[in-house]
Amino acid sequence: MDTHGFAILNRARGYLPELKSVLMDEEILRNHLDLWVEEKDQHSAETLPLLTDFEQAVYQVIKRNAWGQNVRLEQERIAWDVAWKALQHAAC
């Protein structure tokens, strides 16, 4: 989860408007502080119009470095039990 990941999601929604994100919310990000790394270069867009309000809020926090410098969470590092629960919830 980083600015480029949100930009990819935004572009994908141009083709699949109902696309649902998983593991890209504030709770996941803040609960995995120990897994954060630095995103080398942030995406240049100030806003991404196809994000939900919640996704846009996280994007803005990352862009503004409100929680740290160029925060990035590599989602593949999230514990499988947490990821599986989120995937099951998203599928409902």
Protein backbone atom coordinates (compact mmCIF):
# COMPACT_ATOMS: atom_id res chain seq x y z
CA MET A 1 0.00 0.00 0.00
CA ASP A 2 1.64 3.17 -1.25
CA THR A 3 0.83 6.08 -3.54
CA HIS A 4 1.58 4.07 -6.67
CA GLY A 5 -0.66 1.23 -5.45
CA PHE A 6 -3.52 3.67 -5.03
CA ALA A 7 -2.82 5.07 -8.51
CA ILE A 8 -3.01 1.54 -9.96
CA LEU A 9 -6.32 1.00 -8.17
CA ASN A 10 -7.60 4.32 -9.53
CA ARG A 11 -6.64 3.34 -13.11
CA ALA A 12 -8.16 -0.11 -12.74
CA ARG A 13 -11.46 1.41 -11.65
CA GLY A 14 -11.54 3.21 -14.99
CA TYR A 15 -12.14 -0.25 -16.50
CA LEU A 16 -13.81 -1.98 -13.57
CA PRO A 17 -15.79 0.68 -11.64
CA GLU A 18 -17.03 -1.81 -9.03
CA LEU A 19 -13.52 -3.05 -8.20
CA LYS A 20 -13.18 -3.48 -4.45
CA SER A 21 -9.88 -2.91 -2.67
CA VAL A 22 -8.65 -5.26 0.03
CA LEU A 23 -6.00 -4.50 2.65
CA MET A 24 -5.83 -0.85 1.55
CA ASP A 25 -7.40 0.96 4.48
CA GLU A 26 -6.26 3.00 7.45
CA GLU A 27 -6.79 0.20 9.97
CA ILE A 28 -4.57 -2.21 8.06
CA LEU A 29 -1.91 0.43 7.52
CA ARG A 30 -1.80 1.63 11.12
CA ASN A 31 -1.94 -1.90 12.54
CA HIS A 32 1.17 -2.88 10.59
CA LEU A 33 3.54 -0.06 11.48
CA ASP A 34 6.30 -2.59 12.08
CA LEU A 35 6.13 -3.60 8.40
CA TRP A 36 6.41 -0.11 6.93
CA VAL A 37 9.20 0.68 4.53
CA GLU A 38 9.90 3.82 2.51
CA GLU A 39 8.40 4.42 -0.91
CA LYS A 40 11.28 5.81 -2.97
CA ASP A 41 9.25 8.20 -5.14
CA GLN A 42 5.61 9.05 -4.55
CA HIS A 43 3.04 9.19 -7.32
CA SER A 44 2.66 12.74 -8.61
CA ALA A 45 -1.15 13.09 -8.54
CA GLU A 46 -2.59 15.19 -5.73
CA THR A 47 -5.92 13.36 -5.87
CA LEU A 48 -7.17 10.20 -7.53
CA PRO A 49 -10.81 10.68 -8.50
CA LEU A 50 -11.85 7.02 -8.67
CA LEU A 51 -10.86 6.18 -5.10
CA THR A 52 -13.51 5.92 -2.42
CA ASP A 53 -13.53 8.61 0.26
CA PHE A 54 -11.80 6.23 2.68
CA GLU A 55 -9.11 5.27 0.14
CA GLN A 56 -8.61 8.91 -0.80
CA ALA A 57 -8.14 9.79 2.87
CA VAL A 58 -5.38 7.20 3.27
CA TYR A 59 -3.78 8.33 0.00
CA GLN A 60 -3.75 11.93 1.26
CA VAL A 61 -2.22 10.95 4.61
CA ILE A 62 0.55 9.07 2.81
CA LYS A 63 1.10 11.93 0.33
CA ARG A 64 1.38 14.49 3.15
CA ASN A 65 3.75 12.27 5.15
CA ALA A 66 1.40 12.66 8.13
CA TRP A 67 2.42 9.31 9.65
CA GLY A 68 6.00 9.18 8.44
CA GLN A 69 8.20 9.85 5.43
CA ASN A 70 6.90 8.14 2.25
CA VAL A 71 5.09 5.36 4.10
CA ARG A 72 4.73 2.08 2.22
CA LEU A 73 3.26 -1.21 3.41
CA GLU A 74 4.13 -4.26 1.35
CA GLN A 75 0.89 -6.19 1.71
CA GLU A 76 2.50 -9.56 1.05
CA ARG A 77 4.20 -9.17 4.44
CA ILE A 78 0.87 -9.04 6.29
CA ALA A 79 0.20 -12.20 8.31
CA TRP A 80 -1.81 -14.75 6.33
CA ASP A 81 -4.55 -15.04 8.97
CA VAL A 82 -5.18 -11.28 8.76
CA ALA A 83 -5.10 -11.29 4.95
CA TRP A 84 -7.38 -14.35 4.71
CA LYS A 85 -9.95 -12.79 7.04
CA ALA A 86 -9.95 -9.59 4.95
CA LEU A 87 -10.36 -11.57 1.71
CA GLN A 88 -13.24 -13.57 3.17
CA HIS A 89 -14.93 -10.38 4.35
CA ALA A 90 -14.48 -8.76 0.94
CA ALA A 91 -16.02 -11.76 -0.82
CA CYS A 92 -19.29 -11.45 1.13
